[in-house]
Amino acid sequence: MVENNIHSLVKDIATLKADVKASGQIHQRLDDAIVRLTDISSSIKSMLAVHDEKINRVDTSQEDLYSTFETRRREWELDLKELHNRISTQGRELREAIQDTTMVGERQHKEHAEAMRKINETLDRRVGILEKWRWLIIGGAILLGFIITNMDIFG
């Protein structure tokens, strides 16, 4: 039994040695992981510093953009007001020109209507005279025909 105990102890010692050796490897790996995490931590710190700088630059450029945008907006408002004034002025001038043209057109229309009325009256008189002459000629021809038929010149 003693020998079994010794054998058991030797076995336990061997197991303990293997565990110690495995623990040493685990500790070595943990040390390597800690070194890597330290390197990663400093890389992350430098990346964060770079990103903070970029964020600051973006904030600055956003402020510049906002300032530029606000300047352009004011210029746009002024241009829009000027354009509105021009359109209003042009509309007013156009209405006045249309009104003047309408008055001139109405006056010319009245003049043309009066001229056409005079021409119609003149033509009515002339056509009336021509119609009278036509009826006189027809009546004269009928009378001449009647006289010739009732005369015994040929008979």
C-alpha atoms as a PDB file:
ATOM      1  CA  MET A   1       0.000   0.000   0.000  1.00  0.00           C
ATOM      2  CA  VAL A   2       2.807   2.298   0.704  1.00  0.00           C
ATOM      3  CA  GLU A   3       4.021   1.576  -2.709  1.00  0.00           C
ATOM      4  CA  ASN A   4       0.657   2.394  -4.125  1.00  0.00           C
ATOM      5  CA  ASN A   5       0.752   5.616  -2.206  1.00  0.00           C
ATOM      6  CA  ILE A   6       4.199   6.397  -3.554  1.00  0.00           C
ATOM      7  CA  HIS A   7       3.136   5.533  -7.029  1.00  0.00           C
ATOM      8  CA  SER A   8       0.073   7.652  -6.581  1.00  0.00           C
ATOM      9  CA  LEU A   9       2.226  10.508  -5.233  1.00  0.00           C
ATOM     10  CA  VAL A  10       4.655  10.215  -8.149  1.00  0.00           C
ATOM     11  CA  LYS A  11       1.744  10.308 -10.492  1.00  0.00           C
ATOM     12  CA  ASP A  12       0.313  13.334  -8.696  1.00  0.00           C
ATOM     13  CA  ILE A  13       3.712  15.049  -8.818  1.00  0.00           C
ATOM     14  CA  ALA A  14       3.988  14.335 -12.544  1.00  0.00           C
ATOM     15  CA  THR A  15       0.524  15.718 -13.038  1.00  0.00           C
ATOM     16  CA  LEU A  16       1.445  18.759 -10.966  1.00  0.00           C
ATOM     17  CA  LYS A  17       4.631  19.256 -13.011  1.00  0.00           C
ATOM     18  CA  ALA A  18       2.587  19.075 -16.219  1.00  0.00           C
ATOM     19  CA  ASP A  19       0.089  21.528 -14.764  1.00  0.00           C
ATOM     20  CA  VAL A  20       2.923  23.876 -13.697  1.00  0.00           C
ATOM     21  CA  LYS A  21       4.444  23.616 -17.175  1.00  0.00           C
ATOM     22  CA  ALA A  22       1.017  24.296 -18.750  1.00  0.00           C
ATOM     23  CA  SER A  23       0.504  27.180 -16.317  1.00  0.00           C
ATOM     24  CA  GLY A  24       3.874  28.575 -17.354  1.00  0.00           C
ATOM     25  CA  GLN A  25       2.819  28.427 -20.990  1.00  0.00           C
ATOM     26  CA  ILE A  26      -0.515  30.034 -20.123  1.00  0.00           C
ATOM     27  CA  HIS A  27       1.322  32.774 -18.187  1.00  0.00           C
ATOM     28  CA  GLN A  28       3.656  33.283 -21.141  1.00  0.00           C
ATOM     29  CA  ARG A  29       0.668  33.573 -23.474  1.00  0.00           C
ATOM     30  CA  LEU A  30      -1.037  35.968 -21.055  1.00  0.00           C
ATOM     31  CA  ASP A  31       2.149  38.072 -20.956  1.00  0.00           C
ATOM     32  CA  ASP A  32       2.213  38.100 -24.791  1.00  0.00           C
ATOM     33  CA  ALA A  33      -1.486  39.032 -24.874  1.00  0.00           C
ATOM     34  CA  ILE A  34      -0.866  41.826 -22.346  1.00  0.00           C
ATOM     35  CA  VAL A  35       1.990  43.168 -24.500  1.00  0.00           C
ATOM     36  CA  ARG A  36      -0.210  43.012 -27.597  1.00  0.00           C
ATOM     37  CA  LEU A  37      -3.105  44.685 -25.760  1.00  0.00           C
ATOM     38  CA  THR A  38      -0.709  47.405 -24.615  1.00  0.00           C
ATOM     39  CA  ASP A  39       0.418  47.921 -28.234  1.00  0.00           C
ATOM     40  CA  ILE A  40      -3.193  47.945 -29.397  1.00  0.00           C
ATOM     41  CA  SER A  41      -4.116  50.372 -26.615  1.00  0.00           C
ATOM     42  CA  SER A  42      -1.398  52.824 -27.697  1.00  0.00           C
ATOM     43  CA  SER A  43      -2.431  52.409 -31.347  1.00  0.00           C
ATOM     44  CA  ILE A  44      -6.032  53.110 -30.372  1.00  0.00           C
ATOM     45  CA  LYS A  45      -4.892  56.180 -28.402  1.00  0.00           C
ATOM     46  CA  SER A  46      -3.003  57.512 -31.422  1.00  0.00           C
ATOM     47  CA  MET A  47      -5.973  56.721 -33.694  1.00  0.00           C
ATOM     48  CA  LEU A  48      -8.293  58.522 -31.277  1.00  0.00           C
ATOM     49  CA  ALA A  49      -5.973  61.524 -31.278  1.00  0.00           C
ATOM     50  CA  VAL A  50      -5.988  61.535 -35.095  1.00  0.00           C
ATOM     51  CA  HIS A  51      -9.764  61.187 -35.154  1.00  0.00           C
ATOM     52  CA  ASP A  52     -10.167  63.985 -32.598  1.00  0.00           C
ATOM     53  CA  GLU A  53      -8.028  66.195 -34.825  1.00  0.00           C
ATOM     54  CA  LYS A  54     -10.136  65.258 -37.850  1.00  0.00           C
ATOM     55  CA  ILE A  55     -13.339  65.955 -35.907  1.00  0.00           C
ATOM     56  CA  ASN A  56     -11.961  69.361 -34.911  1.00  0.00           C
ATOM     57  CA  ARG A  57     -11.118  70.087 -38.551  1.00  0.00           C
ATOM     58  CA  VAL A  58     -14.584  68.974 -39.638  1.00  0.00           C
ATOM     59  CA  ASP A  59     -16.152  71.203 -36.986  1.00  0.00           C
ATOM     60  CA  THR A  60     -14.059  74.118 -38.221  1.00  0.00           C
ATOM     61  CA  SER A  61     -14.925  73.432 -41.843  1.00  0.00           C
ATOM     62  CA  GLN A  62     -18.611  73.072 -40.912  1.00  0.00           C
ATOM     63  CA  GLU A  63     -18.481  76.481 -39.266  1.00  0.00           C
ATOM     64  CA  ASP A  64     -16.818  77.866 -42.388  1.00  0.00           C
ATOM     65  CA  LEU A  65     -19.470  76.221 -44.548  1.00  0.00           C
ATOM     66  CA  TYR A  66     -22.245  77.596 -42.364  1.00  0.00           C
ATOM     67  CA  SER A  67     -20.724  81.058 -42.578  1.00  0.00           C
ATOM     68  CA  THR A  68     -20.405  80.761 -46.364  1.00  0.00           C
ATOM     69  CA  PHE A  69     -23.929  79.387 -46.599  1.00  0.00           C
ATOM     70  CA  GLU A  70     -25.300  82.261 -44.548  1.00  0.00           C
ATOM     71  CA  THR A  71     -23.442  84.775 -46.753  1.00  0.00           C
ATOM     72  CA  ARG A  72     -24.828  83.131 -49.902  1.00  0.00           C
ATOM     73  CA  ARG A  73     -28.321  83.081 -48.405  1.00  0.00           C
ATOM     74  CA  ARG A  74     -28.157  86.828 -47.745  1.00  0.00           C
ATOM     75  CA  GLU A  75     -26.855  87.457 -51.264  1.00  0.00           C
ATOM     76  CA  TRP A  76     -29.665  85.256 -52.621  1.00  0.00           C
ATOM     77  CA  GLU A  77     -32.266  87.251 -50.675  1.00  0.00           C
ATOM     78  CA  LEU A  78     -30.884  90.519 -52.041  1.00  0.00           C
ATOM     79  CA  ASP A  79     -30.813  89.136 -55.583  1.00  0.00           C
ATOM     80  CA  LEU A  80     -34.339  87.803 -55.149  1.00  0.00           C
ATOM     81  CA  LYS A  81     -35.601  91.188 -53.935  1.00  0.00           C
ATOM     82  CA  GLU A  82     -33.903  92.916 -56.866  1.00  0.00           C
ATOM     83  CA  LEU A  83     -35.402  90.393 -59.287  1.00  0.00           C
ATOM     84  CA  HIS A  84     -38.837  90.883 -57.724  1.00  0.00           C
ATOM     85  CA  ASN A  85     -38.490  94.650 -58.138  1.00  0.00           C
ATOM     86  CA  ARG A  86     -37.438  94.221 -61.770  1.00  0.00           C
ATOM     87  CA  ILE A  87     -40.361  91.917 -62.486  1.00  0.00           C
ATOM     88  CA  SER A  88     -42.782  94.352 -60.834  1.00  0.00           C
ATOM     89  CA  THR A  89     -41.357  97.260 -62.822  1.00  0.00           C
ATOM     90  CA  GLN A  90     -41.456  95.284 -66.075  1.00  0.00           C
ATOM     91  CA  GLY A  91     -45.042  94.196 -65.361  1.00  0.00           C
ATOM     92  CA  ARG A  92     -46.103  97.774 -64.704  1.00  0.00           C
ATOM     93  CA  GLU A  93     -44.360  99.005 -67.872  1.00  0.00           C
ATOM     94  CA  LEU A  94     -45.907  96.175 -69.873  1.00  0.00           C
ATOM     95  CA  ARG A  95     -49.408  96.996 -68.588  1.00  0.00           C
ATOM     96  CA  GLU A  96     -48.880 100.652 -69.519  1.00  0.00           C
ATOM     97  CA  ALA A  97     -47.607  99.691 -72.975  1.00  0.00           C
ATOM     98  CA  ILE A  98     -50.574  97.359 -73.512  1.00  0.00           C
ATOM     99  CA  GLN A  99     -52.955 100.077 -72.381  1.00  0.00           C
ATOM    100  CA  ASP A 100     -51.340 102.596 -74.755  1.00  0.00           C
ATOM    101  CA  THR A 101     -51.401 100.085 -77.599  1.00  0.00           C
ATOM    102  CA  THR A 102     -55.030  99.257 -76.868  1.00  0.00           C
ATOM    103  CA  MET A 103     -55.968 102.931 -76.985  1.00  0.00           C
ATOM    104  CA  VAL A 104     -54.109 103.391 -80.262  1.00  0.00           C
ATOM    105  CA  GLY A 105     -55.713 100.229 -81.638  1.00  0.00           C
ATOM    106  CA  GLU A 106     -59.204 101.363 -80.630  1.00  0.00           C
ATOM    107  CA  ARG A 107     -58.616 104.778 -82.209  1.00  0.00           C
ATOM    108  CA  GLN A 108     -57.354 103.183 -85.409  1.00  0.00           C
ATOM    109  CA  HIS A 109     -60.305 100.784 -85.404  1.00  0.00           C
ATOM    110  CA  LYS A 110     -62.727 103.705 -85.119  1.00  0.00           C
ATOM    111  CA  GLU A 111     -60.901 105.508 -87.936  1.00  0.00           C
ATOM    112  CA  HIS A 112     -61.033 102.416 -90.148  1.00  0.00           C
ATOM    113  CA  ALA A 113     -64.695 101.822 -89.311  1.00  0.00           C
ATOM    114  CA  GLU A 114     -65.495 105.426 -90.266  1.00  0.00           C
ATOM    115  CA  ALA A 115     -63.494 105.116 -93.489  1.00  0.00           C
ATOM    116  CA  MET A 116     -65.294 101.855 -94.335  1.00  0.00           C
ATOM    117  CA  ARG A 117     -68.670 103.506 -93.646  1.00  0.00           C
ATOM    118  CA  LYS A 118     -67.780 106.363 -96.024  1.00  0.00           C
ATOM    119  CA  ILE A 119     -66.610 103.929 -98.698  1.00  0.00           C
ATOM    120  CA  ASN A 120     -69.859 101.938 -98.304  1.00  0.00           C
ATOM    121  CA  GLU A 121     -71.946 105.089 -98.659  1.00  0.00           C
ATOM    122  CA  THR A 122     -69.993 106.127-101.753  1.00  0.00           C
ATOM    123  CA  LEU A 123     -70.341 102.665-103.284  1.00  0.00           C
ATOM    124  CA  ASP A 124     -74.081 102.571-102.461  1.00  0.00           C
ATOM    125  CA  ARG A 125     -74.551 105.910-104.248  1.00  0.00           C
ATOM    126  CA  ARG A 126     -72.559 104.824-107.280  1.00  0.00           C
ATOM    127  CA  VAL A 127     -74.274 101.419-107.482  1.00  0.00           C
ATOM    128  CA  GLY A 128     -77.647 103.173-107.136  1.00  0.00           C
ATOM    129  CA  ILE A 129     -76.791 105.434-110.066  1.00  0.00           C
ATOM    130  CA  LEU A 130     -75.670 102.436-112.141  1.00  0.00           C
ATOM    131  CA  GLU A 131     -78.872 100.563-111.291  1.00  0.00           C
ATOM    132  CA  LYS A 132     -80.965 103.577-112.388  1.00  0.00           C
ATOM    133  CA  TRP A 133     -79.117 103.706-115.704  1.00  0.00           C
ATOM    134  CA  ARG A 134     -79.559  99.979-116.166  1.00  0.00           C
ATOM    135  CA  TRP A 135     -83.328 100.233-115.629  1.00  0.00           C
ATOM    136  CA  LEU A 136     -83.459 103.227-117.937  1.00  0.00           C
ATOM    137  CA  ILE A 137     -81.604 101.314-120.679  1.00  0.00           C
ATOM    138  CA  ILE A 138     -83.800  98.222-120.182  1.00  0.00           C
ATOM    139  CA  GLY A 139     -86.937 100.367-120.265  1.00  0.00           C
ATOM    140  CA  GLY A 140     -85.681 102.205-123.358  1.00  0.00           C
ATOM    141  CA  ALA A 141     -84.897  98.882-125.062  1.00  0.00           C
ATOM    142  CA  ILE A 142     -88.385  97.555-124.231  1.00  0.00           C
ATOM    143  CA  LEU A 143     -89.953 100.759-125.558  1.00  0.00           C
ATOM    144  CA  LEU A 144     -87.848 100.654-128.707  1.00  0.00           C
ATOM    145  CA  GLY A 145     -88.784  96.984-129.182  1.00  0.00           C
ATOM    146  CA  PHE A 146     -92.469  97.792-128.715  1.00  0.00           C
ATOM    147  CA  ILE A 147     -92.312 100.667-131.232  1.00  0.00           C
ATOM    148  CA  ILE A 148     -90.470  98.561-133.771  1.00  0.00           C
ATOM    149  CA  THR A 149     -92.951  95.702-133.484  1.00  0.00           C
ATOM    150  CA  ASN A 150     -95.935  98.015-133.833  1.00  0.00           C
ATOM    151  CA  MET A 151     -94.579  99.912-136.820  1.00  0.00           C
ATOM    152  CA  ASP A 152     -95.252  98.662-140.238  1.00  0.00           C
ATOM    153  CA  ILE A 153     -91.861  99.415-141.596  1.00  0.00           C
ATOM    154  CA  PHE A 154     -91.209  95.893-142.615  1.00  0.00           C
ATOM    155  CA  GLY A 155     -94.627  94.974-143.353  1.00  0.00           C
END
